[in-house]
Protein backbone atom coordinates (compact mmCIF):
# COMPACT_ATOMS: atom_id res chain seq x y z
CA MET A 1 143.58 133.76 129.27
CA SER A 2 144.19 135.56 126.00
CA HIS A 3 142.54 138.78 127.29
CA ARG A 4 143.75 141.03 130.08
CA PRO A 5 141.35 140.94 133.07
CA SER A 6 139.97 144.45 132.45
CA SER A 7 139.33 143.93 128.74
CA GLY A 8 137.99 140.42 129.43
CA LEU A 9 135.51 141.75 131.99
CA SER A 10 134.38 144.44 129.60
CA ALA A 11 133.94 141.92 126.79
CA VAL A 12 131.96 139.56 129.04
CA SER A 13 129.74 142.43 130.12
CA THR A 14 129.13 143.39 126.49
CA ALA A 15 128.31 139.79 125.57
CA LEU A 16 125.85 139.37 128.45
CA LEU A 17 124.10 142.62 127.56
CA ALA A 18 123.82 141.44 123.95
CA MET A 19 122.23 138.18 125.09
CA SER A 20 119.67 139.98 127.22
CA ARG A 21 118.52 142.13 124.29
CA HIS A 22 117.18 139.18 122.30
CA LEU A 23 113.97 137.29 122.92
CA GLU A 24 113.94 134.97 119.90
CA VAL A 25 115.71 131.69 120.71
CA ARG A 26 117.60 131.70 117.40
CA ASP A 27 118.95 135.21 118.01
CA VAL A 28 120.03 134.27 121.53
CA LEU A 29 121.94 131.23 120.28
CA LYS A 30 123.74 133.21 117.57
CA THR A 31 124.76 135.89 120.08
CA ILE A 32 126.07 133.32 122.57
CA VAL A 33 128.17 131.52 119.97
CA ALA A 34 129.65 134.67 118.45
CA SER A 35 130.46 136.03 121.92
CA ALA A 36 132.14 132.80 123.05
CA ARG A 37 134.27 132.56 119.92
CA ASP A 38 135.39 136.19 120.23
CA LEU A 39 136.08 136.13 123.96
CA LEU A 40 138.10 132.93 123.93
CA ASP A 41 139.92 133.72 120.67
CA ALA A 42 138.85 130.54 118.87
CA GLU A 43 138.51 129.81 115.15
CA TYR A 44 135.24 127.93 115.57
CA ALA A 45 132.34 127.93 117.99
CA ALA A 46 129.05 126.04 118.02
CA LEU A 47 126.02 125.49 120.19
CA GLY A 48 123.56 122.63 119.88
CA VAL A 49 120.12 122.30 121.46
CA PRO A 50 119.18 118.59 121.48
CA ASP A 51 115.85 117.16 120.40
CA ASP A 52 114.27 113.98 121.75
CA HIS A 53 115.24 111.84 118.76
CA GLY A 54 119.03 111.68 118.97
CA GLY A 55 119.61 114.81 116.90
CA PHE A 56 119.52 118.56 117.40
CA ALA A 57 116.48 120.79 117.26
CA GLN A 58 118.81 123.72 116.62
CA PHE A 59 122.50 123.94 115.85
CA VAL A 60 124.31 127.27 115.45
CA VAL A 61 127.91 127.73 114.30
CA ASP A 62 130.27 130.70 114.05
CA GLY A 63 133.46 130.72 111.97
CA VAL A 64 132.06 128.52 109.18
CA SER A 65 130.90 130.17 105.94
CA ASP A 66 127.46 129.51 104.45
CA ALA A 67 129.08 127.60 101.58
CA GLN A 68 131.08 125.39 103.98
CA TRP A 69 128.00 124.79 106.13
CA LYS A 70 126.00 123.69 103.08
CA ALA A 71 128.80 121.38 101.93
CA ILE A 72 129.07 119.74 105.37
CA GLY A 73 125.55 118.36 105.00
CA PRO A 74 123.08 117.15 107.65
CA LEU A 75 123.20 118.33 111.23
CA PRO A 76 125.33 116.18 113.56
CA ARG A 77 123.77 113.51 115.71
CA GLN A 78 124.16 113.15 119.47
CA HIS A 79 127.21 110.90 119.52
CA GLY A 80 130.82 110.79 120.67
CA ILE A 81 132.04 113.82 122.59
CA LEU A 82 128.81 115.75 121.95
CA ALA A 83 126.84 112.95 123.59
CA ALA A 84 129.22 112.92 126.58
CA MET A 85 128.64 116.62 127.19
CA LEU A 86 124.86 116.22 126.89
CA GLN A 87 124.37 112.93 128.71
CA GLU A 88 127.07 113.15 131.38
CA ALA A 89 126.96 116.94 131.79
CA LYS A 90 130.73 116.82 131.59
CA VAL A 91 133.27 119.50 130.62
CA GLU A 92 135.67 118.43 127.86
CA ARG A 93 139.06 120.13 127.31
CA LEU A 94 141.20 118.25 124.79
CA ALA A 95 144.57 118.93 123.17
CA ASP A 96 143.43 117.17 119.98
CA VAL A 97 139.81 116.12 119.58
CA ARG A 98 140.77 113.78 116.72
CA LYS A 99 142.86 111.60 119.06
CA ASP A 100 140.10 111.10 121.60
CA PRO A 101 138.80 107.48 121.53
CA ARG A 102 135.22 108.77 121.32
CA PHE A 103 135.93 110.73 118.14
CA GLU A 104 133.92 109.28 115.25
CA GLY A 105 135.09 111.46 112.37
CA TRP A 106 133.28 114.17 110.42
CA PRO A 107 132.21 114.84 106.82
CA SER A 108 134.91 115.57 104.23
CA ALA A 109 133.87 119.24 103.96
CA HIS A 110 134.14 119.73 107.73
CA PRO A 111 137.00 122.05 108.79
CA GLU A 112 139.93 120.44 110.58
CA MET A 113 139.83 120.93 114.33
CA SER A 114 142.37 120.07 117.01
CA ASP A 115 142.23 121.61 120.49
CA PHE A 116 138.73 121.59 121.88
CA LEU A 117 136.79 123.05 124.82
CA GLY A 118 133.18 122.16 125.42
CA LEU A 119 130.69 122.11 128.24
CA PRO A 120 126.98 121.59 128.79
CA ILE A 121 124.47 124.42 129.21
CA LYS A 122 122.42 123.51 132.27
CA ASP A 123 119.32 124.77 134.03
CA GLY A 124 119.41 122.92 137.33
CA ASP A 125 119.59 119.24 136.38
CA GLU A 126 118.30 119.80 132.86
CA VAL A 127 120.93 119.89 130.12
CA MET A 128 119.62 122.46 127.64
CA GLY A 129 122.46 122.22 125.15
CA ALA A 130 126.19 122.02 124.54
CA LEU A 131 128.53 124.94 123.88
CA PHE A 132 131.97 124.26 122.43
CA LEU A 133 134.97 125.88 120.81
CA ALA A 134 137.80 124.57 118.65
CA ASN A 135 141.21 125.73 117.43
CA LYS A 136 142.62 128.32 119.80
CA ARG A 137 144.20 130.99 117.62
CA CYS A 138 147.38 131.05 119.75
CA PRO A 139 148.15 127.33 120.23
CA ARG A 140 150.65 126.10 122.82
CA GLN A 141 154.10 125.28 121.54
CA ASP A 142 154.28 122.08 123.59
CA GLY A 143 151.27 120.55 121.81
CA GLY A 144 148.94 120.81 124.81
CA CYS A 145 145.44 122.19 124.70
CA GLY A 146 145.49 125.87 123.81
CA PHE A 147 142.38 126.48 125.91
CA THR A 148 143.25 127.14 129.54
CA GLU A 149 141.51 126.68 132.86
CA ASP A 150 140.73 130.40 132.76
CA ASP A 151 139.08 129.88 129.36
CA GLU A 152 137.06 127.04 130.86
CA GLU A 153 135.93 129.27 133.72
CA LEU A 154 134.95 132.07 131.34
CA LEU A 155 133.03 129.70 129.09
CA GLY A 156 131.28 128.38 132.20
CA ILE A 157 130.10 131.90 133.04
CA LEU A 158 128.81 132.33 129.48
CA ALA A 159 127.05 128.95 129.68
CA GLN A 160 125.29 129.93 132.92
CA HIS A 161 124.01 133.12 131.36
CA ALA A 162 123.17 131.23 128.18
CA ALA A 163 120.91 128.96 130.25
CA ILE A 164 119.14 132.02 131.66
CA ALA A 165 118.83 133.61 128.22
CA LEU A 166 117.51 130.39 126.69
CA THR A 167 115.01 129.94 129.50
CA ASN A 168 113.77 133.50 129.04
CA ALA A 169 113.55 133.00 125.27
CA ARG A 170 111.58 129.78 125.72
CA LEU A 171 109.21 131.53 128.13
CA TYR A 172 108.79 134.37 125.64
CA GLU A 173 107.98 131.97 122.80
CA ARG A 174 105.56 130.06 125.01
CA SER A 175 103.92 133.33 126.00
CA ARG A 176 103.66 134.28 122.35
CA GLU A 177 102.06 130.91 121.54
CA LEU A 178 99.50 131.47 124.28
CA THR A 179 98.87 134.98 122.99
CA ILE A 180 98.33 133.61 119.50
CA ALA A 181 95.89 131.02 120.86
CA GLU A 182 93.99 133.74 122.71
CA GLU A 183 94.04 135.90 119.58
CA ARG A 184 92.62 133.03 117.54
CA SER A 185 89.77 132.68 120.01
CA ARG A 186 89.10 136.42 119.91
CA LEU A 187 89.25 136.41 116.12
CA ALA A 188 86.79 133.53 115.97
CA HIS A 189 84.25 135.46 118.04
CA GLU A 190 84.78 138.69 116.12
CA LEU A 191 84.67 136.90 112.78
CA HIS A 192 81.43 135.19 113.70
CA ASP A 193 79.82 138.46 114.79
CA ALA A 194 81.11 140.53 111.86
CA VAL A 195 80.33 138.01 109.13
CA SER A 196 76.94 137.18 110.65
CA GLN A 197 76.03 140.87 110.58
CA LYS A 198 77.26 141.22 107.01
CA LEU A 199 75.32 138.18 105.86
CA PHE A 200 72.17 139.41 107.63
CA SER A 201 72.51 142.79 105.89
CA LEU A 202 73.23 140.98 102.64
CA ARG A 203 70.06 138.98 102.93
CA LEU A 204 67.88 142.03 103.71
CA THR A 205 69.42 144.06 100.88
CA ALA A 206 68.92 141.22 98.41
CA GLN A 207 65.27 140.95 99.49
CA ALA A 208 64.84 144.69 99.01
CA ALA A 209 66.38 144.50 95.54
CA ALA A 210 64.02 141.64 94.59
CA ALA A 211 61.00 143.65 95.76
CA LEU A 212 62.09 146.74 93.79
CA VAL A 213 63.23 145.11 90.56
CA ASP A 214 59.85 145.47 88.80
CA ARG A 215 58.54 148.79 90.10
CA ASP A 216 61.81 150.73 90.59
CA PRO A 217 64.68 149.20 88.58
CA GLY A 218 66.99 152.14 89.36
CA ARG A 219 66.73 151.64 93.13
CA ALA A 220 66.99 147.87 92.65
CA LYS A 221 70.27 148.39 90.80
CA GLY A 222 71.58 150.47 93.72
CA GLU A 223 70.56 147.76 96.21
CA LEU A 224 72.34 145.11 94.11
CA GLN A 225 75.52 147.21 94.12
CA GLN A 226 75.24 147.28 97.92
CA VAL A 227 74.87 143.48 97.88
CA ALA A 228 78.12 143.20 95.94
CA GLU A 229 79.93 145.51 98.37
CA LEU A 230 78.68 143.63 101.44
CA ALA A 231 79.70 140.30 99.89
CA ALA A 232 83.19 141.65 99.13
CA GLU A 233 83.59 142.91 102.72
CA ALA A 234 82.53 139.55 104.17
CA ALA A 235 84.96 137.73 101.85
CA ASP A 236 87.83 140.04 102.86
CA GLU A 237 87.22 139.39 106.56
CA LEU A 238 87.15 135.66 105.96
CA ARG A 239 90.41 135.77 103.98
CA ALA A 240 92.11 137.82 106.69
CA ALA A 241 91.29 135.38 109.49
CA VAL A 242 90.76 131.87 108.15
CA VAL A 243 94.42 130.80 108.07
CA GLU A 244 95.23 132.33 111.49
CA LEU A 245 92.25 130.52 112.98
CA ARG A 246 93.45 127.20 111.69
CA PRO A 247 96.31 125.83 113.85
CA ALA A 248 99.03 123.73 112.27
CA ALA A 249 98.66 120.01 112.96
CA LEU A 250 102.17 118.75 112.28
CA ASP A 251 102.28 116.36 115.22
CA GLU A 252 99.00 114.70 114.28
CA ASP A 253 98.94 114.92 110.49
CA GLY A 254 102.55 115.26 109.35
CA LEU A 255 104.01 117.86 107.02
CA VAL A 256 102.43 116.74 103.73
CA ASN A 257 98.87 116.49 105.07
CA THR A 258 99.18 119.73 107.06
CA LEU A 259 100.40 121.62 103.99
CA ARG A 260 97.72 120.08 101.79
CA THR A 261 94.95 121.04 104.21
CA GLN A 262 96.18 124.62 104.66
CA ILE A 263 96.59 125.10 100.91
CA GLN A 264 93.06 123.82 100.29
CA VAL A 265 91.78 126.41 102.77
CA LEU A 266 93.80 129.18 101.08
CA ASP A 267 92.57 128.12 97.65
CA ARG A 268 88.97 128.47 98.82
CA ALA A 269 89.58 131.76 100.63
CA HIS A 270 91.41 133.62 97.84
CA THR A 271 90.61 134.43 94.24
CA ALA A 272 94.08 133.21 93.22
CA LYS A 273 94.38 129.52 92.35
CA VAL A 274 96.57 127.80 94.96
CA THR A 275 97.84 124.29 94.19
CA PHE A 276 99.89 121.67 96.02
CA GLY A 277 101.95 118.84 94.56
CA THR A 278 104.17 116.31 96.33
CA CYS A 279 106.25 113.27 95.46
CA GLY A 280 108.18 110.75 97.57
CA VAL A 281 108.60 112.88 100.70
CA ARG A 282 109.66 110.87 103.74
CA ALA A 283 109.28 111.79 107.40
CA LEU A 284 111.88 114.37 108.45
CA PRO A 285 113.18 115.53 111.84
CA ALA A 286 110.52 117.55 113.65
CA ALA A 287 112.55 120.77 113.55
CA GLN A 288 112.97 120.50 109.77
CA GLU A 289 109.28 119.82 109.19
CA GLU A 290 108.31 122.82 111.29
CA ALA A 291 110.79 125.06 109.46
CA LEU A 292 109.47 123.91 106.06
CA LEU A 293 105.89 124.58 107.15
CA ARG A 294 106.68 128.07 108.48
CA VAL A 295 108.61 129.02 105.34
CA ALA A 296 105.76 127.74 103.14
CA GLN A 297 103.27 129.80 105.17
CA GLU A 298 105.41 132.94 104.93
CA ALA A 299 105.97 132.54 101.18
CA LEU A 300 102.24 131.91 100.63
CA HIS A 301 101.38 134.97 102.69
CA ASN A 302 103.68 137.11 100.54
CA ALA A 303 102.31 135.69 97.29
CA LEU A 304 98.64 136.09 98.25
CA ARG A 305 98.85 139.44 100.05
CA HIS A 306 101.56 141.35 98.18
CA SER A 307 102.23 139.92 94.71
CA GLY A 308 98.81 140.20 93.05
CA ALA A 309 99.27 136.65 91.73
CA ASP A 310 96.55 134.77 89.86
CA ARG A 311 98.20 131.45 90.63
CA VAL A 312 100.48 130.09 93.37
CA ASP A 313 101.97 126.60 93.08
CA VAL A 314 103.48 124.82 96.08
CA VAL A 315 105.58 121.71 95.46
CA LEU A 316 107.27 119.48 98.06
CA VAL A 317 109.48 116.66 96.74
CA ARG A 318 112.09 114.29 98.06
CA ARG A 319 115.70 115.37 97.52
CA GLY A 320 118.15 112.68 98.61
CA GLN A 321 117.48 112.01 102.28
CA GLY A 322 115.82 115.40 102.66
CA ALA A 323 113.24 117.50 100.86
CA LEU A 324 112.88 120.47 98.52
CA LEU A 325 110.03 122.96 98.92
CA SER A 326 109.17 125.49 96.23
CA VAL A 327 106.50 128.21 96.26
CA THR A 328 106.04 129.87 92.85
CA ASP A 329 103.68 132.71 91.97
CA ASP A 330 102.91 134.58 88.76
CA GLY A 331 102.61 137.93 90.52
CA LYS A 332 104.36 141.25 90.04
CA GLY A 333 107.73 140.07 91.39
CA PHE A 334 110.48 142.42 92.53
CA GLU A 335 114.05 143.44 91.72
CA PRO A 336 116.47 141.12 93.61
CA ARG A 337 118.90 144.01 94.15
CA THR A 338 116.30 145.64 96.38
CA VAL A 339 115.89 142.51 98.48
CA ARG A 340 117.82 143.98 101.42
CA ARG A 341 115.38 146.83 101.68
CA ALA A 342 112.34 144.63 101.07
CA GLY A 343 113.69 141.59 102.90
CA ARG A 344 112.34 142.32 106.34
CA HIS A 345 108.97 143.45 104.98
CA LEU A 346 108.60 140.23 103.00
CA GLY A 347 109.87 137.99 105.83
CA LEU A 348 112.92 136.86 103.81
CA VAL A 349 115.28 137.34 106.77
CA SER A 350 113.20 135.11 109.05
CA MET A 351 112.79 132.51 106.28
CA ARG A 352 116.56 132.35 105.76
CA ASP A 353 117.11 132.06 109.53
CA ARG A 354 114.59 129.22 109.72
CA ALA A 355 116.30 127.37 106.86
CA GLY A 356 119.80 127.89 108.26
CA GLY A 357 118.67 126.85 111.74
CA VAL A 358 117.93 123.31 110.53
CA GLY A 359 120.94 122.94 108.23
CA GLY A 360 119.04 123.91 105.10
CA ARG A 361 119.31 126.61 102.46
CA LEU A 362 116.84 129.13 101.06
CA SER A 363 116.91 130.83 97.67
CA VAL A 364 114.64 133.50 96.20
CA GLU A 365 114.35 134.20 92.47
CA SER A 366 112.25 137.09 91.23
CA GLU A 367 111.98 139.59 88.40
CA PRO A 368 109.57 142.51 87.99
CA GLY A 369 106.52 141.32 86.07
CA LYS A 370 107.61 137.67 86.08
CA GLY A 371 106.68 136.42 89.52
CA THR A 372 108.69 134.94 92.38
CA THR A 373 109.97 131.50 93.36
CA VAL A 374 111.04 130.69 96.92
CA GLU A 375 112.93 127.41 97.40
CA MET A 376 114.01 125.75 100.62
CA GLU A 377 116.03 122.55 100.78
CA VAL A 378 116.77 120.53 103.92
CA PRO A 379 119.21 117.61 104.10
CA GLY A 380 117.08 115.26 106.20
CA GLY A 381 118.36 113.38 109.22
C-alpha cells in the first residue's frame, strides 16, 4: 500500500465518516469516488450505478475536469470490463487495461489509462454499481499493475461501506418520496377546505355588494374591495399548491407531454404568460429525462416566484443525439458575479449537479433588468 497502516486507517475512518454524513445519493457517490482516489493514490476514479437499459443511471468521476468530461461525450454503456464487473461481480486488477481483450476503446477526448483496479459494489446478491480506479501515481518499474493486493482489500472495504451508504441514501429518497406523496394528500385536503371557504365568503360578499349598490354605494364599494381581496387570496393559495399536487408522469407520458402539461397548468395558475415549444426531441435515457424535467421545474419555480417576470418561455429541442432545454424569463435578473451567494437560494447548485450527473452541462445567463436564461444540454444515449 502507498499509505502507512496508521495513516491509512485514519484516512479510511475519515472517508467512512464523510460517507455517513450525506443522505443524497449523488453526494454519497461523489464522496466515495473522491475518497477512493485519494486513499489509493490514483489519478482517476469513477463509480457507475447501472440502469435497466444497458447504460448508467448515474456516473460520477474524480480526476477529470468539467471541460474534459464535456468533451468525452455521452455516458459509457455497460460493456467490456465494466460489464464484467457488473454482470459477473468480479474484481479486475490489470497492468494495462488497454491490452485486455475485452477493452473496446474510448472516445478521443478520454484520458489515457493503463493500470486498473475495479470491483462491484454489492448488497447481498444485488450488484448496485461498479467502483474503479486507474493510473496509480507510483507505477511499478517492472510494468506490472501498480495497484496491489492491499489496495484491492482497501477498495473492497470502501465498496462494502459504499453499498451501505447507497442503501441508506435510497431509503432516504424513498422516504422523502412517500413524505411528498403524503404532503400532496394533505395539501389537497387543506386546499379544498381553504379555497371552498374563500369562495363561500366571496359569494356572500358579492351578494351583499349587489344588495347595497343602489341604497348605499359607499358600503357596496367596500364590499367589492373585500371581494377583490378574497379572490386574490384564493388565487395565491391555488398557485402555491397546484404544481406540487400534480405528480410528474414521465413513465406514462414521456418528457415532452409531461412538460407541456405542467406548463399549461402553470400558465393558468400565474399571471405571467408561460409558453412551451419543442422540435424533434427523441426519447432519451430515463435518467436524462428526469434530470431535464427537474431542472425545468426548478428554473420555472425561480422565474415565477422570484423574478417578477411577465413572460417565461420554455423550449426543448433536439441537439445531435441528445436535447437542449432552455428556460427564459423577462424578469429582474441578477448579477452573475453574485451567483455563488445566490446559487443555493435559487437552486443553481442542485441544477448543476443534476446536469452533471447525467453527463450534461448547465449554463445560466442573467443581467439585472434583462431577465435570465437557464440552459441544460444532455448528450443522449
